Amino acid sequence: MTSALLLIDLQNDFCPGGALAVTEGDQTIAVANQAIAACSNAGWHIVASQDWHPENHRSFAVNSGQQAWTLGELEGLPQVWWPAHCIEQQSGADFHPELNKAAITFVVHKGQNADIDSYSAFFDNGKLAATGLDEWLHQQQITHLVVMGLATDYCVKFSVLDALSLGYQVTLIAEGCRAVNLAASDGEQAILDMQQAGAQIQTLQTWLSTLA
């Protein structure tokens, strides 16, 4: 089994002070850096996804004439109308400054099609286009992913569910994630959904002990 660490959207706009700030989002960075150090020592690839939206993305409430944080429909798919966030080439889309970016092997961008949202690091929400992540992982013969990042109930969950459906073994480091929680229990439910789909949920220390 060949493993890789997959970091989901550890970007400025999802951390406190950002345009779509997740509560305690910045607390994932120290967890990620511990995981990066361990994986680097073990010779693993370290992969990261970035939301990378054009400024005219239709999931942005301001572009669709909707109120942010409300629910609607975009191109026939359920849609949360988000504040404008992670606009390509802007500082909000950058990785958090404290993240050990130098160790990242491969970065995959998502959400570049203005007409459809893209929570998963593998596909857009309609499964109309792949990001190239699955192809790259196959080239590296990776079969197991250790996943953490932002946010538990959206981009982490959809990435994990897609990874499982593509045949990867998945371990989720729950303390390396934080949730949007439009409803108070969304994060907890997302972890349950991932576990029921086949993901193994571990603490950072338990997982680190498997590498020792």
Protein backbone atom coordinates (compact mmCIF):
# COMPACT_ATOMS: atom_id res chain seq x y z
CA MET A 1 0.00 0.00 0.00
CA THR A 2 1.41 3.36 -1.07
CA SER A 3 0.08 6.33 0.90
CA ALA A 4 -0.16 10.09 0.49
CA LEU A 5 -1.29 12.98 2.67
CA LEU A 6 -4.14 15.02 1.14
CA LEU A 7 -4.66 18.51 2.55
CA ILE A 8 -7.97 20.10 1.62
CA ASP A 9 -8.20 23.87 1.06
CA LEU A 10 -5.98 25.17 3.88
CA GLN A 11 -6.41 28.68 2.48
CA ASN A 12 -6.61 32.17 3.92
CA ASP A 13 -10.27 32.74 3.04
CA PHE A 14 -11.34 29.70 5.09
CA CYS A 15 -9.45 30.85 8.19
CA PRO A 16 -10.40 33.58 10.69
CA GLY A 17 -10.36 36.96 8.96
CA GLY A 18 -11.07 35.38 5.57
CA ALA A 19 -14.05 35.90 3.31
CA LEU A 20 -15.58 32.50 4.17
CA ALA A 21 -14.03 31.99 7.58
CA VAL A 22 -14.54 28.64 9.27
CA THR A 23 -14.56 28.79 13.06
CA GLU A 24 -11.12 27.69 14.33
CA GLY A 25 -10.08 27.03 10.75
CA ASP A 26 -6.55 28.17 11.51
CA GLN A 27 -6.23 25.51 14.21
CA THR A 28 -5.94 22.90 11.47
CA ILE A 29 -2.59 24.32 10.35
CA ALA A 30 -0.53 23.05 13.29
CA VAL A 31 -2.09 19.60 12.85
CA ALA A 32 -1.30 19.68 9.14
CA ASN A 33 2.30 20.69 9.79
CA GLN A 34 2.78 17.77 12.21
CA ALA A 35 1.34 15.43 9.59
CA ILE A 36 3.52 16.96 6.86
CA ALA A 37 6.66 16.44 8.96
CA ALA A 38 5.79 12.81 9.66
CA CYS A 39 4.91 12.09 6.03
CA SER A 40 8.06 13.77 4.75
CA ASN A 41 10.14 11.58 7.07
CA ALA A 42 8.27 8.53 5.79
CA GLY A 43 8.87 9.47 2.16
CA TRP A 44 5.19 10.07 1.38
CA HIS A 45 3.85 12.44 -1.24
CA ILE A 46 2.05 15.47 0.21
CA VAL A 47 -0.82 16.71 -1.93
CA ALA A 48 -2.95 19.83 -1.45
CA SER A 49 -6.11 21.15 -3.05
CA GLN A 50 -6.94 24.81 -3.54
CA ASP A 51 -10.27 26.42 -4.26
CA TRP A 52 -9.37 28.54 -7.28
CA HIS A 53 -12.42 30.44 -8.47
CA PRO A 54 -12.81 32.99 -11.25
CA GLU A 55 -14.21 36.29 -9.98
CA ASN A 56 -17.47 35.70 -11.86
CA HIS A 57 -18.19 32.32 -10.25
CA ARG A 58 -21.94 31.81 -10.08
CA SER A 59 -21.82 30.11 -6.66
CA PHE A 60 -20.99 33.53 -5.21
CA ALA A 61 -24.14 35.13 -3.83
CA VAL A 62 -23.20 38.52 -5.27
CA ASN A 63 -22.99 37.08 -8.81
CA SER A 64 -26.33 35.26 -8.63
CA GLY A 65 -28.34 38.00 -6.92
CA GLN A 66 -28.83 35.88 -3.81
CA GLN A 67 -28.25 36.32 -0.10
CA ALA A 68 -25.07 34.71 1.19
CA TRP A 69 -25.41 31.52 3.26
CA THR A 70 -28.85 30.70 1.85
CA LEU A 71 -29.74 27.63 -0.22
CA GLY A 72 -30.77 27.51 -3.85
CA GLU A 73 -30.06 25.73 -7.10
CA LEU A 74 -27.34 26.20 -9.72
CA GLU A 75 -27.49 24.33 -13.03
CA GLY A 76 -29.92 21.83 -11.52
CA LEU A 77 -27.78 21.09 -8.46
CA PRO A 78 -28.38 22.17 -4.84
CA GLN A 79 -26.27 25.22 -4.08
CA VAL A 80 -25.24 27.19 -1.03
CA TRP A 81 -24.82 30.82 -2.06
CA TRP A 82 -21.38 31.63 -0.71
CA PRO A 83 -19.61 34.91 -0.05
CA ALA A 84 -17.04 35.53 -2.81
CA HIS A 85 -13.96 33.58 -1.76
CA CYS A 86 -10.69 32.03 -2.96
CA ILE A 87 -10.56 34.09 -6.13
CA GLU A 88 -7.66 32.89 -8.27
CA GLN A 89 -4.39 34.82 -7.88
CA GLN A 90 -5.73 36.80 -4.91
CA SER A 91 -4.41 36.57 -1.36
CA GLY A 92 -7.56 34.88 -0.05
CA ALA A 93 -6.81 31.90 -2.27
CA ASP A 94 -3.25 31.55 -0.96
CA PHE A 95 -2.36 28.78 1.45
CA HIS A 96 -2.30 29.86 5.09
CA PRO A 97 1.07 31.55 5.73
CA GLU A 98 1.97 29.17 8.56
CA LEU A 99 1.44 26.04 6.44
CA ASN A 100 4.65 24.25 5.43
CA LYS A 101 4.05 24.76 1.73
CA ALA A 102 7.59 23.83 0.73
CA ALA A 103 6.91 20.17 1.48
CA ILE A 104 3.88 19.93 -0.84
CA THR A 105 4.53 17.67 -3.82
CA PHE A 106 1.46 18.40 -5.94
CA VAL A 107 -1.27 21.06 -5.89
CA VAL A 108 -4.64 20.56 -7.56
CA HIS A 109 -6.93 23.53 -8.32
CA LYS A 110 -10.71 23.18 -8.26
CA GLY A 111 -13.75 25.34 -8.85
CA GLN A 112 -12.42 26.99 -11.99
CA ASN A 113 -15.60 26.51 -14.03
CA ALA A 114 -17.76 29.55 -13.23
CA ASP A 115 -20.99 27.64 -13.86
CA ILE A 116 -20.63 24.84 -11.30
CA ASP A 117 -19.31 24.53 -7.78
CA SER A 118 -16.56 22.04 -6.96
CA TYR A 119 -16.30 20.84 -3.38
CA SER A 120 -14.37 17.66 -4.09
CA ALA A 121 -10.68 17.64 -4.91
CA PHE A 122 -11.50 15.03 -7.58
CA PHE A 123 -14.56 16.29 -9.50
CA ASP A 124 -16.93 19.23 -9.82
CA ASN A 125 -20.29 18.82 -8.06
CA GLY A 126 -21.99 17.50 -11.17
CA LYS A 127 -19.19 15.00 -11.92
CA LEU A 128 -18.89 16.66 -15.34
CA ALA A 129 -15.13 17.16 -15.18
CA ALA A 130 -12.22 15.66 -13.25
CA THR A 131 -9.52 17.80 -11.67
CA GLY A 132 -6.60 15.57 -12.58
CA LEU A 133 -5.95 14.47 -8.99
CA ASP A 134 -7.03 10.86 -9.52
CA GLU A 135 -4.85 10.60 -12.63
CA TRP A 136 -1.82 11.96 -10.75
CA LEU A 137 -2.35 9.64 -7.78
CA HIS A 138 -2.57 6.66 -10.13
CA GLN A 139 0.69 7.69 -11.77
CA GLN A 140 2.31 7.62 -8.34
CA GLN A 141 0.63 4.25 -7.58
CA ILE A 142 -0.99 5.70 -4.46
CA THR A 143 -3.80 3.62 -2.99
CA HIS A 144 -4.29 5.12 0.49
CA LEU A 145 -5.03 8.74 1.41
CA VAL A 146 -4.75 10.40 4.79
CA VAL A 147 -7.07 13.41 4.62
CA MET A 148 -7.60 16.57 6.65
CA GLY A 149 -8.54 20.19 5.99
CA LEU A 150 -11.41 22.60 5.45
CA ALA A 151 -14.26 22.32 5.68
CA THR A 152 -15.41 19.02 7.19
CA ASP A 153 -18.99 19.26 5.93
CA TYR A 154 -18.21 20.36 2.36
CA CYS A 155 -14.86 20.01 0.63
CA VAL A 156 -13.43 17.40 3.01
CA LYS A 157 -16.55 15.25 2.96
CA PHE A 158 -17.00 15.33 -0.81
CA SER A 159 -13.30 14.65 -1.39
CA VAL A 160 -13.35 11.67 0.96
CA LEU A 161 -16.55 10.21 -0.51
CA ASP A 162 -15.15 10.54 -4.04
CA ALA A 163 -11.84 8.98 -2.99
CA LEU A 164 -13.68 6.01 -1.52
CA SER A 165 -15.84 5.63 -4.64
CA LEU A 166 -12.66 5.66 -6.74
CA GLY A 167 -11.25 2.77 -4.71
CA TYR A 168 -8.81 4.51 -2.37
CA GLN A 169 -8.47 3.55 1.26
CA VAL A 170 -9.06 6.70 3.32
CA THR A 171 -8.02 7.72 6.81
CA LEU A 172 -9.49 10.96 8.13
CA ILE A 173 -7.64 12.91 10.83
CA ALA A 174 -10.70 14.48 12.42
CA GLU A 175 -8.86 17.04 14.57
CA GLY A 176 -7.23 18.35 11.40
CA CYS A 177 -10.67 19.44 10.14
CA ARG A 178 -13.22 22.12 11.04
CA ALA A 179 -16.78 22.54 9.77
CA VAL A 180 -18.83 25.39 8.34
CA ASN A 181 -21.85 24.14 10.33
CA LEU A 182 -24.69 25.97 8.61
CA ALA A 183 -26.62 23.65 10.92
CA ALA A 184 -24.92 22.96 14.25
CA SER A 185 -24.52 19.22 13.65
CA ASP A 186 -23.31 19.34 10.03
CA GLY A 187 -19.68 18.59 10.91
CA GLU A 188 -20.55 15.64 13.12
CA GLN A 189 -22.92 14.28 10.48
CA ALA A 190 -20.25 14.64 7.80
CA ILE A 191 -17.79 12.57 9.84
CA LEU A 192 -20.48 9.93 10.36
CA ASP A 193 -21.24 9.91 6.61
CA MET A 194 -17.55 9.45 5.77
CA GLN A 195 -17.17 6.68 8.35
CA GLN A 196 -20.26 4.85 7.11
CA ALA A 197 -18.91 5.07 3.54
CA GLY A 198 -15.72 3.32 4.63
CA ALA A 199 -13.31 5.98 5.88
CA GLN A 200 -11.28 5.21 9.00
CA ILE A 201 -11.44 8.04 11.53
CA GLN A 202 -8.30 8.48 13.64
CA THR A 203 -6.74 11.00 16.00
CA LEU A 204 -3.47 12.54 14.97
CA GLN A 205 -1.52 10.74 17.70
CA THR A 206 -3.02 7.34 16.87
CA TRP A 207 -2.19 7.79 13.22
CA LEU A 208 1.32 9.08 13.93
CA SER A 209 1.96 5.96 16.00
CA THR A 210 1.30 3.83 12.91
CA LEU A 211 4.18 5.58 11.14
CA ALA A 212 6.68 5.10 13.96
